[in-house]
Amino acid sequence: MRTILHRNNNDENVLTTVAAGYDIDKVKDALKGVIIDLDSIDQDYLGAYDIVDNNISIDIEKAKKIKVDLIREQRDQVFITFDKTYDIALRDEIDMTELKQQRQRLKDAPQTAAYLLTSHTILEQINSLTLQDLL
């Protein structure tokens, strides 16, 4: 696919696909972007890529922040189901010890992820951390 990575007016990275029949180099120059192969980037971390001198590179610190945000989003989805289970256990007066510990681990997941990511130096390491690893 003929794709250009560039910054929009809000200084955010965006991908633009150029249709056949258009001069991709002219579009690239107009957008001040870089022609890329979509398989060469991880789109989950689109905001972490820097464009310098017609090349792209990954800003590892930005990627770490994005990963923490992704963990937070996943955690929030898990909380929806977990809170139902928690409420049922509370209503039925089931021992809450384990559920309270699980809830705390869920609550702490983004902070734990941020701490664990401090030692990661490449995108593959960052990407390998999952919410399950933190629970």
Protein backbone atom coordinates (compact mmCIF):
# COMPACT_ATOMS: atom_id res chain seq x y z
CA MET A 1 0.00 0.00 0.00
CA ARG A 2 1.23 3.50 -0.78
CA THR A 3 1.27 5.22 2.61
CA ILE A 4 2.79 8.39 4.03
CA LEU A 5 3.49 9.02 7.71
CA HIS A 6 3.27 12.73 8.52
CA ARG A 7 2.12 15.22 11.14
CA ASN A 8 -1.29 16.86 10.97
CA ASN A 9 -2.18 20.41 12.03
CA ASN A 10 -2.44 19.26 15.67
CA ASP A 11 1.14 17.93 15.52
CA GLU A 12 -0.07 14.33 15.71
CA ASN A 13 1.28 11.52 13.55
CA VAL A 14 -1.16 10.35 10.91
CA LEU A 15 -1.10 7.90 8.03
CA THR A 16 -2.31 8.94 4.59
CA THR A 17 -2.87 6.41 1.84
CA VAL A 18 -2.17 7.71 -1.64
CA ALA A 19 -4.39 6.36 -4.38
CA ALA A 20 -2.94 4.93 -7.57
CA GLY A 21 -2.49 7.55 -10.23
CA TYR A 22 -1.20 10.23 -7.85
CA ASP A 23 2.47 11.10 -7.59
CA ILE A 24 3.30 9.83 -4.11
CA ASP A 25 6.53 11.86 -3.98
CA LYS A 26 4.64 15.10 -4.58
CA VAL A 27 2.09 14.21 -1.91
CA LYS A 28 4.91 13.25 0.48
CA ASP A 29 6.66 16.58 -0.10
CA ALA A 30 3.43 18.54 0.35
CA LEU A 31 2.71 16.75 3.63
CA LYS A 32 6.35 16.89 4.75
CA GLY A 33 6.15 13.19 5.50
CA VAL A 34 7.87 9.89 4.82
CA ILE A 35 6.78 7.08 2.54
CA ILE A 36 6.48 3.92 4.63
CA ASP A 37 5.60 0.27 4.39
CA LEU A 38 2.82 -0.34 6.93
CA ASP A 39 4.48 -3.60 7.93
CA SER A 40 7.53 -1.63 9.09
CA ILE A 41 5.72 0.17 11.93
CA ASP A 42 3.54 -0.81 14.87
CA GLN A 43 0.40 1.26 14.47
CA ASP A 44 -0.42 0.95 18.19
CA TYR A 45 2.57 3.24 18.74
CA LEU A 46 1.91 5.64 15.86
CA GLY A 47 2.30 8.66 18.13
CA ALA A 48 5.78 7.54 19.22
CA TYR A 49 7.39 7.81 15.79
CA ASP A 50 9.58 10.80 15.00
CA ILE A 51 10.12 12.02 11.46
CA VAL A 52 13.58 13.47 10.89
CA ASP A 53 15.32 14.04 7.55
CA ASN A 54 12.98 11.76 5.61
CA ASN A 55 13.48 8.92 8.12
CA ILE A 56 11.37 7.59 10.96
CA SER A 57 12.54 6.46 14.36
CA ILE A 58 10.74 5.40 17.50
CA ASP A 59 10.87 7.54 20.62
CA ILE A 60 11.08 4.86 23.32
CA GLU A 61 9.84 7.16 26.10
CA LYS A 62 6.74 8.06 24.08
CA ALA A 63 6.19 4.36 23.34
CA LYS A 64 6.33 3.58 27.06
CA LYS A 65 3.68 6.20 27.79
CA ILE A 66 1.48 4.82 25.03
CA LYS A 67 1.89 1.29 26.45
CA VAL A 68 0.83 2.47 29.91
CA ASP A 69 -2.24 4.10 28.32
CA LEU A 70 -3.03 0.85 26.48
CA ILE A 71 -2.70 -1.12 29.73
CA ARG A 72 -5.00 1.41 31.42
CA GLU A 73 -7.63 1.02 28.66
CA GLN A 74 -7.46 -2.78 28.89
CA ARG A 75 -7.68 -2.60 32.67
CA ASP A 76 -10.76 -0.38 32.47
CA GLN A 77 -12.49 -2.96 30.25
CA VAL A 78 -11.62 -5.77 32.67
CA PHE A 79 -12.98 -3.68 35.57
CA ILE A 80 -16.45 -3.71 33.99
CA THR A 81 -16.73 -7.48 34.30
CA PHE A 82 -14.73 -7.69 37.50
CA ASP A 83 -16.94 -5.18 39.31
CA LYS A 84 -20.00 -7.30 38.53
CA THR A 85 -18.29 -10.33 40.06
CA TYR A 86 -17.18 -8.23 43.02
CA ASP A 87 -20.71 -6.92 43.60
CA ILE A 88 -22.18 -10.43 43.48
CA ALA A 89 -19.61 -11.71 45.97
CA LEU A 90 -20.32 -8.75 48.23
CA ARG A 91 -24.06 -9.32 48.01
CA ASP A 92 -23.71 -13.06 48.66
CA GLU A 93 -21.28 -12.42 51.54
CA ILE A 94 -18.51 -14.52 49.97
CA ASP A 95 -14.98 -14.17 51.34
CA MET A 96 -13.64 -11.05 49.62
CA THR A 97 -9.95 -11.47 50.47
CA GLU A 98 -8.82 -12.74 47.07
CA LEU A 99 -11.16 -10.43 45.17
CA LYS A 100 -9.82 -7.41 47.05
CA GLN A 101 -6.26 -8.42 46.17
CA GLN A 102 -7.20 -8.91 42.51
CA ARG A 103 -8.98 -5.56 42.45
CA GLN A 104 -5.90 -3.84 43.90
CA ARG A 105 -3.65 -5.46 41.29
CA LEU A 106 -6.01 -4.25 38.58
CA LYS A 107 -6.05 -0.78 40.07
CA ASP A 108 -2.24 -0.69 40.26
CA ALA A 109 -1.64 -2.16 36.77
CA PRO A 110 -0.79 1.12 34.97
CA GLN A 111 1.66 2.20 37.68
CA THR A 112 3.21 -1.25 37.80
CA ALA A 113 3.55 -1.21 34.01
CA ALA A 114 5.25 2.20 34.11
CA TYR A 115 7.72 0.90 36.69
CA LEU A 116 8.48 -2.31 34.76
CA LEU A 117 8.91 -0.41 31.49
CA THR A 118 11.72 1.73 32.89
CA SER A 119 14.24 -0.99 32.01
CA HIS A 120 12.87 -1.63 28.50
CA THR A 121 14.90 -0.12 25.68
CA ILE A 122 13.33 -1.45 22.47
CA LEU A 123 9.77 -1.52 21.16
CA GLU A 124 9.60 -5.32 21.15
CA GLN A 125 10.26 -5.38 24.91
CA ILE A 126 7.66 -2.70 25.53
CA ASN A 127 5.10 -4.43 23.36
CA SER A 128 5.62 -7.78 25.09
CA LEU A 129 4.23 -6.50 28.42
CA THR A 130 0.58 -7.44 28.82
CA LEU A 131 -2.11 -6.75 31.37
CA GLN A 132 -2.05 -10.45 32.30
CA ASP A 133 1.62 -10.11 33.22
CA LEU A 134 0.64 -7.51 35.81
CA LEU A 135 -2.10 -9.51 37.46
